[in-house]
Protein backbone atom coordinates (compact mmCIF):
# COMPACT_ATOMS: atom_id res chain seq x y z
CA MET A 1 -30.11 29.42 -9.55
CA LYS A 2 -29.39 27.77 -6.61
CA ARG A 3 -30.52 24.51 -8.67
CA THR A 4 -27.77 25.60 -11.67
CA ILE A 5 -25.36 26.22 -8.49
CA LEU A 6 -25.82 22.60 -7.51
CA LEU A 7 -24.85 21.20 -10.53
CA LEU A 8 -22.20 22.85 -10.99
CA THR A 9 -20.32 22.39 -7.94
CA ALA A 10 -21.37 18.70 -8.82
CA ALA A 11 -19.60 18.83 -12.46
CA MET A 12 -16.58 20.12 -10.75
CA SER A 13 -16.73 16.99 -8.35
CA LEU A 14 -16.81 14.78 -11.25
CA MET A 15 -14.01 16.66 -12.85
CA LEU A 16 -11.81 16.42 -10.26
CA ALA A 17 -12.56 12.54 -9.26
CA VAL A 18 -11.86 12.21 -13.16
CA ALA A 19 -8.73 13.97 -12.47
CA GLN A 20 -6.73 12.01 -9.70
CA THR A 21 -5.01 10.67 -12.51
CA GLY A 22 -3.29 12.07 -15.78
CA ASP A 23 -2.25 15.24 -13.49
CA LEU A 24 1.33 15.00 -14.02
CA PRO A 25 3.13 15.26 -17.57
CA ARG A 26 3.84 12.99 -19.82
CA SER A 27 7.01 12.35 -21.57
CA THR A 28 9.46 10.12 -22.57
CA PRO A 29 12.33 8.78 -21.34
CA ALA A 30 15.00 9.88 -23.51
CA GLU A 31 13.25 13.78 -23.68
CA GLN A 32 13.86 13.85 -19.87
CA GLY A 33 17.45 12.15 -20.39
CA LEU A 34 16.47 8.58 -19.35
CA SER A 35 17.82 5.53 -21.61
CA ALA A 36 14.52 4.08 -22.69
CA MET A 37 16.14 0.48 -23.26
CA ALA A 38 17.19 0.92 -19.50
CA VAL A 39 13.41 1.78 -18.31
CA ASN A 40 12.53 -1.43 -20.59
CA GLN A 41 15.23 -3.23 -18.43
CA PHE A 42 13.80 -2.25 -15.12
CA VAL A 43 10.54 -2.88 -16.43
CA ASP A 44 11.20 -6.39 -17.39
CA SER A 45 13.14 -7.66 -14.98
CA LEU A 46 10.46 -6.42 -12.09
CA MET A 47 7.72 -8.06 -13.61
CA ALA A 48 9.59 -11.22 -13.90
CA LEU A 49 10.98 -10.98 -10.54
CA PRO A 50 9.86 -14.45 -8.25
CA ASP A 51 6.69 -14.60 -6.15
CA THR A 52 6.01 -11.07 -7.39
CA GLU A 53 2.82 -9.51 -7.97
CA ILE A 54 3.23 -5.88 -9.83
CA HIS A 55 0.38 -3.71 -9.90
CA HIS A 56 1.62 -0.45 -10.07
CA ALA A 57 5.01 1.01 -11.14
CA MET A 58 6.15 4.49 -12.18
CA VAL A 59 9.23 6.60 -13.13
CA VAL A 60 9.32 10.36 -12.87
CA ARG A 61 11.98 12.26 -13.68
CA HIS A 62 11.80 15.65 -13.69
CA GLY A 63 8.60 16.45 -12.58
CA HIS A 64 7.59 13.98 -15.60
CA VAL A 65 5.94 10.68 -15.92
CA VAL A 66 8.49 9.00 -18.70
CA ALA A 67 7.03 5.25 -17.86
CA GLU A 68 3.95 3.30 -15.99
CA VAL A 69 2.84 0.07 -15.67
CA HIS A 70 -0.51 -1.36 -14.27
CA PRO A 71 -1.17 -4.73 -15.47
CA ALA A 72 -4.02 -6.17 -15.54
CA PRO A 73 -6.77 -5.95 -13.68
CA PHE A 74 -5.09 -2.56 -11.73
CA ARG A 75 -6.03 0.12 -13.02
CA ASP A 76 -4.56 3.33 -12.92
CA GLN A 77 -7.59 4.95 -11.28
CA ASP A 78 -7.37 2.05 -8.10
CA ALA A 79 -5.63 3.67 -4.95
CA HIS A 80 -3.46 0.82 -2.83
CA THR A 81 -3.17 0.15 0.34
CA LEU A 82 0.55 0.90 1.85
CA TYR A 83 1.20 -0.67 4.98
CA SER A 84 3.63 0.69 6.17
CA ALA A 85 4.50 3.63 3.99
CA SER A 86 2.03 5.33 5.55
CA LYS A 87 4.52 6.07 8.24
CA THR A 88 6.31 8.81 6.16
CA PHE A 89 2.98 10.44 6.32
CA VAL A 90 3.04 10.88 9.80
CA ALA A 91 6.23 12.21 9.67
CA LEU A 92 4.44 15.06 7.41
CA ALA A 93 2.22 16.25 9.73
CA VAL A 94 4.25 16.26 12.34
CA GLY A 95 6.64 18.02 10.45
CA LEU A 96 3.13 20.41 10.09
CA ALA A 97 2.77 20.62 13.86
CA ILE A 98 6.40 21.45 14.76
CA ALA A 99 5.89 24.50 11.79
CA ASP A 100 2.60 25.39 13.77
CA ASN A 101 4.54 25.76 17.05
CA ARG A 102 2.14 22.93 18.97
CA LEU A 103 4.75 20.32 18.68
CA ARG A 104 8.49 19.96 19.63
CA LEU A 105 11.11 17.15 18.50
CA ASP A 106 12.72 17.27 22.23
CA ASP A 107 8.33 17.10 23.66
CA ARG A 108 7.94 13.91 26.15
CA VAL A 109 5.20 12.16 25.01
CA ALA A 110 3.95 11.36 28.85
CA ALA A 111 3.13 15.17 28.87
CA ILE A 112 1.07 15.06 26.18
CA VAL A 113 -0.72 12.15 27.11
CA PRO A 114 -1.30 11.72 30.67
CA ASP A 115 -4.78 10.22 31.19
CA LEU A 116 -3.47 7.36 28.69
CA LEU A 117 -0.34 6.29 31.08
CA PRO A 118 -0.58 3.58 33.46
CA ASP A 119 -0.77 4.28 37.25
CA THR A 120 2.66 3.45 37.33
CA VAL A 121 5.14 6.02 35.15
CA SER A 122 8.61 4.69 35.45
CA GLU A 123 11.46 7.53 34.53
CA ALA A 124 12.12 5.94 30.89
CA LEU A 125 8.85 6.10 30.33
CA ALA A 126 8.15 9.85 31.26
CA GLN A 127 11.46 10.52 28.76
CA ILE A 128 10.41 9.28 25.32
CA THR A 129 10.44 12.38 23.04
CA ILE A 130 8.74 12.78 19.62
CA ARG A 131 12.24 12.36 18.77
CA ASN A 132 12.42 8.84 19.72
CA LEU A 133 8.81 7.98 18.73
CA LEU A 134 10.61 9.11 14.78
CA THR A 135 13.56 7.15 14.98
CA MET A 136 11.70 4.04 16.79
CA SER A 137 14.01 4.24 19.98
CA SER A 138 11.40 4.73 22.55
CA GLY A 139 12.93 1.57 24.31
CA ILE A 140 9.67 -0.88 24.40
CA THR A 141 9.57 -3.55 22.97
CA PRO A 142 7.61 -4.36 19.58
CA ASP A 143 4.25 -5.76 20.10
CA TRP A 144 2.87 -6.37 16.26
CA ASN A 145 -0.29 -8.91 17.92
CA MET A 146 -1.20 -5.94 20.58
CA ARG A 147 -3.24 -4.15 18.15
CA ASN A 148 -5.25 -7.59 17.58
CA LEU A 149 -6.21 -8.31 21.33
CA THR A 150 -7.14 -5.07 22.79
CA THR A 151 -8.87 -1.94 22.11
CA GLN A 152 -6.59 0.32 24.11
CA TRP A 153 -3.68 0.86 21.94
CA THR A 154 -2.40 3.67 23.37
CA ARG A 155 -2.68 3.05 27.27
CA THR A 156 -1.87 -0.77 26.53
CA TRP A 157 1.37 0.06 24.48
CA LEU A 158 2.67 2.25 27.67
CA SER A 159 1.85 0.35 30.56
CA LYS A 160 4.47 -2.22 28.13
CA PRO A 161 8.44 -2.01 29.71
CA VAL A 162 10.92 0.78 28.83
CA GLY A 163 14.51 0.32 28.30
CA LYS A 164 16.70 3.17 27.27
CA PRO A 165 15.25 5.95 25.25
CA GLY A 166 16.74 7.07 22.16
CA GLY A 167 19.03 3.78 22.27
CA GLN A 168 18.60 1.06 19.89
CA LEU A 169 16.40 0.95 16.49
CA LEU A 170 12.94 -0.84 17.79
CA TYR A 171 10.76 -0.53 14.27
CA ASP A 172 7.27 -0.95 15.54
CA SER A 173 4.15 0.29 13.59
CA MET A 174 2.80 1.47 17.59
CA SER A 175 5.52 4.34 17.47
CA THR A 176 4.14 5.38 14.19
CA TYR A 177 0.25 5.18 16.11
CA LEU A 178 1.44 7.35 19.15
CA LEU A 179 2.40 9.78 16.88
CA SER A 180 -0.99 9.50 15.49
CA VAL A 181 -1.99 10.40 18.28
CA VAL A 182 -0.09 13.07 19.69
CA VAL A 183 -0.61 15.07 16.55
CA GLN A 184 -4.57 14.75 17.15
CA ARG A 185 -4.31 16.11 20.90
CA VAL A 186 -2.34 18.75 19.51
CA THR A 187 -3.85 19.81 16.06
CA GLY A 188 -7.55 19.05 17.09
CA GLN A 189 -7.75 17.04 13.73
CA THR A 190 -7.38 13.69 12.70
CA VAL A 191 -3.61 13.41 10.81
CA LEU A 192 -5.92 12.67 7.32
CA GLN A 193 -8.08 16.20 8.34
CA LEU A 194 -4.11 17.82 8.32
CA LEU A 195 -2.37 16.05 5.67
CA ALA A 196 -6.07 16.70 3.63
CA HIS A 197 -6.52 20.49 3.97
CA ARG A 198 -2.76 21.22 4.03
CA ILE A 199 -0.65 19.10 1.44
CA PHE A 200 -3.21 16.78 -0.25
CA GLN A 201 -5.92 19.48 -1.22
CA PRO A 202 -3.20 22.24 -2.59
CA MET A 203 -1.71 18.61 -4.89
CA HIS A 204 -5.39 17.90 -5.98
CA ILE A 205 -4.78 14.75 -3.91
CA ALA A 206 -8.99 13.49 -3.50
CA GLU A 207 -8.59 9.71 -3.30
CA VAL A 208 -7.07 8.91 0.05
CA ASP A 209 -8.51 7.56 3.26
CA TRP A 210 -7.02 6.06 6.36
CA GLU A 211 -8.12 3.39 8.84
CA ILE A 212 -9.00 4.29 12.17
CA SER A 213 -8.30 2.97 15.57
CA PRO A 214 -11.12 2.43 17.93
CA GLU A 215 -9.62 5.09 19.84
CA GLY A 216 -10.66 7.08 17.14
CA CYS A 217 -7.18 7.92 15.42
CA CYS A 218 -5.65 7.08 12.17
CA THR A 219 -3.65 3.90 12.68
CA GLY A 220 -0.44 5.76 11.63
CA GLY A 221 1.55 3.23 10.95
CA TRP A 222 -0.18 1.65 8.10
CA GLY A 223 -3.61 2.24 6.59
CA LEU A 224 -3.46 4.65 4.55
CA ARG A 225 -4.81 3.74 1.08
CA LEU A 226 -3.40 6.36 -1.85
CA GLN A 227 -3.36 6.19 -5.77
CA ALA A 228 0.03 5.87 -7.34
CA GLU A 229 0.23 8.92 -8.89
CA SER A 230 -0.80 10.80 -5.66
CA LEU A 231 2.38 8.51 -4.34
CA ALA A 232 4.49 9.52 -7.29
CA LYS A 233 3.28 13.33 -6.59
CA VAL A 234 4.18 13.26 -2.75
CA GLY A 235 7.73 12.19 -3.85
CA LEU A 236 8.35 15.40 -5.73
CA LEU A 237 7.25 16.94 -3.50
CA MET A 238 9.82 15.80 -0.92
CA LEU A 239 12.54 15.86 -3.40
CA GLN A 240 11.88 19.56 -4.21
CA ARG A 241 12.11 19.77 -0.09
CA GLY A 242 8.52 20.42 0.51
CA GLN A 243 7.64 23.24 -2.32
CA TRP A 244 4.48 22.57 -4.60
CA GLN A 245 3.83 24.74 -8.04
CA GLY A 246 4.93 27.39 -5.97
CA LEU A 247 3.57 27.02 -2.57
CA GLN A 248 6.26 25.89 0.19
CA LEU A 249 3.77 23.36 1.63
CA VAL A 250 6.06 21.72 3.87
CA PRO A 251 9.07 23.81 5.55
CA GLU A 252 12.72 22.54 3.60
CA GLU A 253 14.59 21.96 7.23
CA TRP A 254 12.15 19.19 8.10
CA ILE A 255 12.15 17.34 5.09
CA ASP A 256 15.68 17.93 5.56
CA GLN A 257 15.74 16.14 8.88
CA MET A 258 13.34 13.57 7.64
CA THR A 259 15.91 12.11 5.23
CA GLN A 260 18.54 11.98 7.02
CA PRO A 261 19.96 9.11 8.71
CA HIS A 262 19.50 9.45 12.08
CA ILE A 263 19.72 6.15 13.77
CA ASN A 264 21.40 2.59 12.58
CA TYR A 265 20.02 -0.92 12.53
CA ALA A 266 23.69 -3.41 14.22
CA ASP A 267 24.97 -5.19 11.15
CA ALA A 268 26.65 -8.15 12.79
CA THR A 269 26.57 -10.08 10.61
CA GLY A 270 29.76 -8.87 8.13
CA GLN A 271 27.76 -8.90 5.10
CA ALA A 272 27.75 -6.42 2.51
CA PRO A 273 25.37 -3.32 3.32
CA SER A 274 22.13 -3.49 2.17
CA ASP A 275 19.18 -1.51 1.70
CA GLY A 276 17.96 -2.34 5.26
CA ASN A 277 20.99 -1.33 6.99
CA GLN A 278 21.49 2.22 5.34
CA GLY A 279 19.85 4.15 8.31
CA TYR A 280 16.26 5.41 9.18
CA GLY A 281 15.37 8.98 9.23
CA TYR A 282 12.30 10.42 10.38
CA GLN A 283 9.86 7.09 9.20
CA LEU A 284 11.59 6.61 6.43
CA TRP A 285 14.53 4.85 5.10
CA ARG A 286 17.91 5.88 3.56
CA CYS A 287 18.84 3.30 0.40
CA LYS A 288 22.15 1.85 -0.37
CA TRP A 289 22.04 3.80 -3.63
CA PRO A 290 23.71 7.20 -1.44
CA THR A 291 21.74 9.56 -3.18
CA ALA A 292 18.43 8.16 -2.46
CA TYR A 293 16.12 7.44 0.53
CA ARG A 294 12.21 5.76 0.09
CA MET A 295 8.99 4.79 1.85
CA ASP A 296 8.58 1.20 2.90
CA GLY A 297 5.84 -1.14 3.67
CA ALA A 298 5.57 -4.36 3.62
CA PHE A 299 4.70 -6.39 0.78
CA GLY A 300 7.05 -4.25 -1.43
CA GLN A 301 5.09 -0.73 -1.31
CA TYR A 302 8.47 1.26 -2.03
CA VAL A 303 8.84 5.58 -3.46
CA VAL A 304 12.06 5.82 -3.65
CA VAL A 305 13.43 9.20 -3.99
CA ASP A 306 16.94 10.48 -5.87
CA THR A 307 18.00 13.07 -5.37
CA ALA A 308 21.03 13.19 -7.73
CA SER A 309 18.90 11.56 -10.95
CA ASP A 310 16.05 14.27 -10.04
CA MET A 311 14.01 11.14 -9.72
CA VAL A 312 10.84 9.41 -8.29
CA VAL A 313 10.43 5.72 -8.31
CA VAL A 314 6.95 4.27 -7.11
CA ILE A 315 6.41 0.23 -6.60
CA LEU A 316 2.73 -1.19 -5.23
CA GLY A 317 2.32 -4.88 -5.41
CA ARG A 318 2.57 -7.88 -2.94
CA SER A 319 6.17 -9.57 -3.04
CA GLY A 320 8.35 -11.04 -0.86
CA ARG A 321 11.13 -10.33 -2.43
CA GLY A 322 11.10 -6.76 -1.45
CA HIS A 323 15.04 -5.39 -1.81
CA ASP A 324 15.05 -7.36 -5.07
CA GLU A 325 12.76 -4.87 -6.90
CA LEU A 326 14.98 -2.18 -5.02
CA ALA A 327 17.71 -4.01 -6.39
CA CYS A 328 16.33 -3.46 -10.01
CA ILE A 329 16.00 0.08 -9.72
CA TRP A 330 20.22 0.32 -9.25
CA ASN A 331 20.66 -2.44 -11.43
CA GLN A 332 18.80 -2.03 -14.51
CA LEU A 333 17.13 1.65 -13.91
CA MET A 334 20.15 3.85 -12.81
CA PRO A 335 22.50 3.01 -14.96
CA GLY A 336 20.05 4.50 -17.79
CA VAL A 337 20.91 8.02 -16.11
CA ASN A 338 21.80 10.29 -19.09
CA HIS A 339 22.61 7.50 -21.03
CA THR A 340 19.80 8.27 -24.25
CA ASP A 341 21.54 6.38 -27.48
CA LYS A 342 20.38 5.87 -31.26
CA ALA A 343 18.63 2.56 -30.37
CA ASP A 344 15.26 4.67 -27.71
CA GLY A 345 13.41 5.33 -30.60
CA LYS A 346 12.75 1.40 -31.29
CA ALA A 347 13.40 0.82 -26.79
CA GLN A 348 10.47 3.21 -26.38
CA LYS A 349 7.93 1.09 -28.66
CA ARG A 350 8.67 -1.29 -26.95
CA LEU A 351 8.02 -0.08 -23.73
CA VAL A 352 4.45 1.36 -24.86
CA THR A 353 3.55 -2.00 -25.84
CA THR A 354 5.08 -3.57 -22.53
CA CYS A 355 3.65 -1.42 -20.27
CA SER A 356 -0.10 -1.09 -22.09
CA GLN A 357 -0.44 -4.91 -22.37
CA ALA A 358 1.34 -5.95 -19.08
CA THR A 359 -1.25 -8.90 -16.97
CA LEU A 360 -1.28 -10.78 -14.47
CA PRO A 361 -1.86 -14.03 -14.67
CA MET A 362 -5.21 -15.93 -15.80
CA PRO A 363 -5.72 -19.66 -14.53
CA GLN A 364 -5.39 -21.35 -17.49
CA GLY A 365 -7.35 -24.50 -18.95
CA LYS A 366 -10.66 -25.10 -20.30
CA ASN A 367 -14.10 -22.70 -20.22
CA ARG A 368 -16.49 -25.47 -19.91
CA SER A 369 -16.13 -29.10 -17.77
CA PRO A 370 -18.01 -31.38 -19.70
CA GLN A 371 -19.04 -33.11 -15.94
CA TRP A 372 -20.34 -30.40 -14.94
CA THR A 373 -21.76 -26.96 -14.94
CA ASN A 374 -23.58 -25.39 -12.23
CA ALA A 375 -23.13 -26.29 -8.66
CA ASP A 376 -23.61 -25.47 -4.43
CA PHE A 377 -20.01 -26.27 -2.57
CA LYS A 378 -21.13 -26.42 1.64
CA LEU A 379 -18.66 -26.16 3.58
CA GLN A 380 -17.86 -27.52 7.03
CA LYS A 381 -17.94 -25.34 9.58
CA PRO A 382 -17.01 -23.79 10.90
CA ASN A 383 -14.40 -22.83 8.90
CA ALA A 384 -11.21 -20.08 9.27
CA GLU A 385 -12.98 -17.77 6.08
CA ASN A 386 -16.21 -18.37 7.33
CA ILE A 387 -18.06 -19.30 4.64
CA ASP A 388 -21.23 -21.81 4.41
CA LEU A 389 -21.62 -22.12 1.18
CA ILE A 390 -20.23 -21.22 -2.80
CA LYS A 391 -22.80 -20.71 -5.56
CA VAL A 392 -21.11 -21.36 -9.09
CA TYR A 393 -22.86 -21.11 -12.20
CA ARG A 394 -22.53 -20.05 -15.36
CA ASN A 395 -23.76 -16.15 -16.29
CA GLY A 396 -23.96 -15.82 -20.64
CA GLN A 397 -19.97 -16.31 -21.53
CA GLN A 398 -18.88 -15.81 -18.16
CA MET A 399 -18.80 -17.74 -14.52
CA THR A 400 -20.01 -16.02 -11.24
CA LEU A 401 -19.68 -17.40 -7.76
CA ARG A 402 -22.01 -16.31 -5.43
CA ILE A 403 -20.48 -17.24 -1.92
CA TYR A 404 -22.54 -16.56 1.40
CA TYR A 405 -20.63 -15.96 4.74
CA SER A 406 -21.64 -16.96 8.16
CA ASP A 407 -22.08 -13.13 8.73
CA GLY A 408 -24.48 -13.25 6.65
CA HIS A 409 -23.72 -11.23 4.57
CA ASP A 410 -22.68 -12.42 0.79
CA GLU A 411 -20.97 -11.80 -2.76
CA THR A 412 -21.37 -11.40 -5.96
CA ILE A 413 -18.14 -12.52 -8.14
CA ASP A 414 -18.46 -12.35 -12.11
CA MET A 415 -15.33 -14.36 -13.70
CA GLY A 416 -14.32 -14.23 -17.11
CA TYR A 417 -12.11 -17.05 -19.35
CA HIS A 418 -8.81 -15.28 -20.67
CA HIS A 419 -10.15 -11.88 -19.47
CA TRP A 420 -10.46 -9.95 -15.94
CA ALA A 421 -13.86 -9.17 -14.84
CA TYR A 422 -15.19 -6.93 -12.68
CA SER A 423 -17.54 -6.79 -9.60
CA HIS A 424 -18.53 -4.49 -6.56
CA LEU A 425 -17.86 -5.97 -3.54
CA SER A 426 -20.52 -5.28 -0.85
CA GLY A 427 -18.30 -6.20 2.05
CA GLU A 428 -14.49 -5.97 2.85
CA PRO A 429 -11.33 -7.71 1.10
CA PRO A 430 -9.01 -10.83 2.45
CA TYR A 431 -6.61 -8.25 4.64
CA SER A 432 -3.28 -9.87 6.42
CA ILE A 433 -3.67 -7.64 9.79
CA GLY A 434 -6.25 -8.72 11.89
CA ALA A 435 -5.94 -5.44 13.93
CA ARG A 436 -9.21 -4.56 15.87
CA GLY A 437 -11.12 -2.19 13.99
CA ARG A 438 -9.17 -2.83 10.90
CA PHE A 439 -11.01 -1.12 7.95
CA ALA A 440 -12.82 1.50 10.12
CA GLY A 441 -12.48 4.93 8.63
CA LEU A 442 -12.24 3.70 4.96
CA ARG A 443 -14.60 3.72 1.95
CA HIS A 444 -16.15 0.73 1.05
CA ASN A 445 -15.66 1.07 -2.74
CA PHE A 446 -14.06 -1.93 -3.51
CA ASP A 447 -13.59 -3.59 -6.35
CA VAL A 448 -12.63 -7.25 -7.37
CA ALA A 449 -11.34 -8.78 -10.88
CA ALA A 450 -11.90 -11.99 -11.71
CA ALA A 451 -10.86 -14.74 -14.21
CA TYR A 452 -11.34 -18.64 -14.40
CA ALA A 453 -10.75 -21.60 -16.09
CA TRP A 454 -11.41 -25.12 -15.41
CA THR A 455 -7.94 -26.67 -14.93
CA THR A 456 -9.30 -30.54 -14.67
CA PRO A 457 -13.01 -31.89 -16.46
CA THR A 458 -13.74 -31.77 -12.11
CA THR A 459 -11.48 -28.25 -10.94
CA LEU A 460 -12.51 -25.00 -11.44
CA THR A 461 -9.85 -22.29 -10.65
CA ALA A 462 -10.18 -19.01 -10.09
CA GLN A 463 -8.09 -16.13 -9.59
CA LEU A 464 -9.36 -12.91 -7.34
CA HIS A 465 -7.67 -9.93 -6.92
CA TYR A 466 -9.50 -7.19 -4.98
CA VAL A 467 -7.56 -4.11 -7.29
CA ASN A 468 -8.59 -0.99 -5.27
CA TRP A 469 -6.63 -3.07 -2.05
CA ILE A 470 -3.68 -4.99 -2.50
CA SER A 471 -4.47 -8.61 -1.58
CA ALA A 472 -5.37 -11.54 -3.81
CA THR A 473 -7.33 -15.21 -3.82
CA THR A 474 -7.07 -18.17 -5.66
CA LEU A 475 -10.23 -20.35 -4.70
CA THR A 476 -9.97 -24.25 -6.62
CA LEU A 477 -13.18 -25.93 -6.43
CA ASP A 478 -12.50 -29.76 -6.37
CA THR A 479 -15.46 -31.64 -6.87
CA GLN A 480 -14.04 -34.94 -7.00
CA ALA A 481 -12.16 -34.14 -3.79
CA ALA A 482 -15.45 -32.70 -2.85
CA SER A 483 -12.92 -29.69 -1.14
CA VAL A 484 -12.28 -26.28 -1.30
CA THR A 485 -9.08 -24.78 -1.11
CA ILE A 486 -8.83 -20.74 -0.38
CA HIS A 487 -5.19 -19.53 -0.45
CA HIS A 488 -5.03 -16.04 -0.09
CA ASN A 489 -1.18 -13.67 -1.67
CA TYR A 490 -0.38 -13.12 2.34
CA GLY A 491 -0.82 -16.46 3.61
CA ARG A 492 -1.04 -19.97 3.30
CA PRO A 493 -3.68 -22.11 1.41
CA THR A 494 -6.26 -23.47 3.50
CA THR A 495 -8.39 -26.80 1.93
CA ILE A 496 -11.92 -27.17 3.57
CA PRO A 497 -13.55 -30.66 3.15
CA CYS A 498 -17.51 -29.77 1.61
CA THR A 499 -20.77 -31.44 0.54
CA ILE A 500 -21.44 -30.23 -2.79
CA VAL A 501 -24.51 -30.43 -5.12
CA ARG A 502 -25.61 -30.21 -8.72
CA GLN A 503 -27.26 -27.98 -9.78
């Protein structure tokens, strides 16, 4: 009997994991009063943006997913790191702590973390409140490199000079991190534990993790990893003022406060208002579109909520043109609200085809080199990538990379020709953030998808996408120049000389 119960429990857990995607009802744009042609134009415009990789995009209207695209090699089940879009979730946790009478907006931060204060506490430091942290107006000048240099984040940040709290908006992830520390102090739970119990579990969101700081708290201002559909759910929760399937998970009043503009960037440029200066709420931004607000993370991680159209739009990817992505919503998608027409049937077929066949670019060239098959590339040491050796060899109809790192671990990555091959990583993907203890707290279930081509008889190009993360790497192995060029999609390429041994 006990074994039967365990098997049933395991089966139910598996069902929950599988059902993480597909929870929201699906519909067509026309059925929800949205032009399929406009949705087509929105998807086309996103995919056509230069310097942009779209990993996931979803459009939800009246609670129904009316369009979603997960360009290969990305899949609907792949979680994605959110960078600063994580901040909004910290504000939700603060609202829960306030609702439980464990915290107030005007509570002084110094009174909550007295053991982490500097020896001398200035009057300005003593005045910083929870409200100041929520609105990025602590008065402490941002220091984005600090987290890379020390493990004592809170004490170091609070030891910095403090200007006038409540004055200028000084956008800084450490303000959000300190909110995470505060929530953990007053509730006895990490932000993730609190949200999991109060919000994620009732909403059937289980595929979630969050980086943990060297001080044992959720990093707050970054580091949350979620699936696109889970983000759409949370967008709906906010659109519905904290209500989910008849349950009031977050107080209505708190959602109203979060989404109002409380502070503004000074706009001395004289230019037309942009999405960057419409006002900041509690850890989220108001939008240029007057009835919309958004979660917003580096490289284009967006959850846009528009109250007037009853719509949520999720965009995840790697972009250097974030505000152009938002413009695709305002210029292509929004004009289609309540404007269905006779052409929608044809447009719907095209939308289905576009979304189902979307793929990111693969290297173009030959399947084989007339001069090379297997080779070892011994990289010059030391190098910034901490790679000692890259082995390249044919594996049936595919090719395989085996990368040996200076720390002793290695990765085996299969590569497809004109298709994506998937491999599981034993270690961690490349990451643009260099914070101390990065990746701590995350489940190490990282996957990589890879494709290759011989772009010349002596040059092998491999495209690697870390599909349940965000980063991508282009490897160019040049046998003629005896070099390996490594280009991560958040930085500049690095070329490393090497010695090549033909196998």
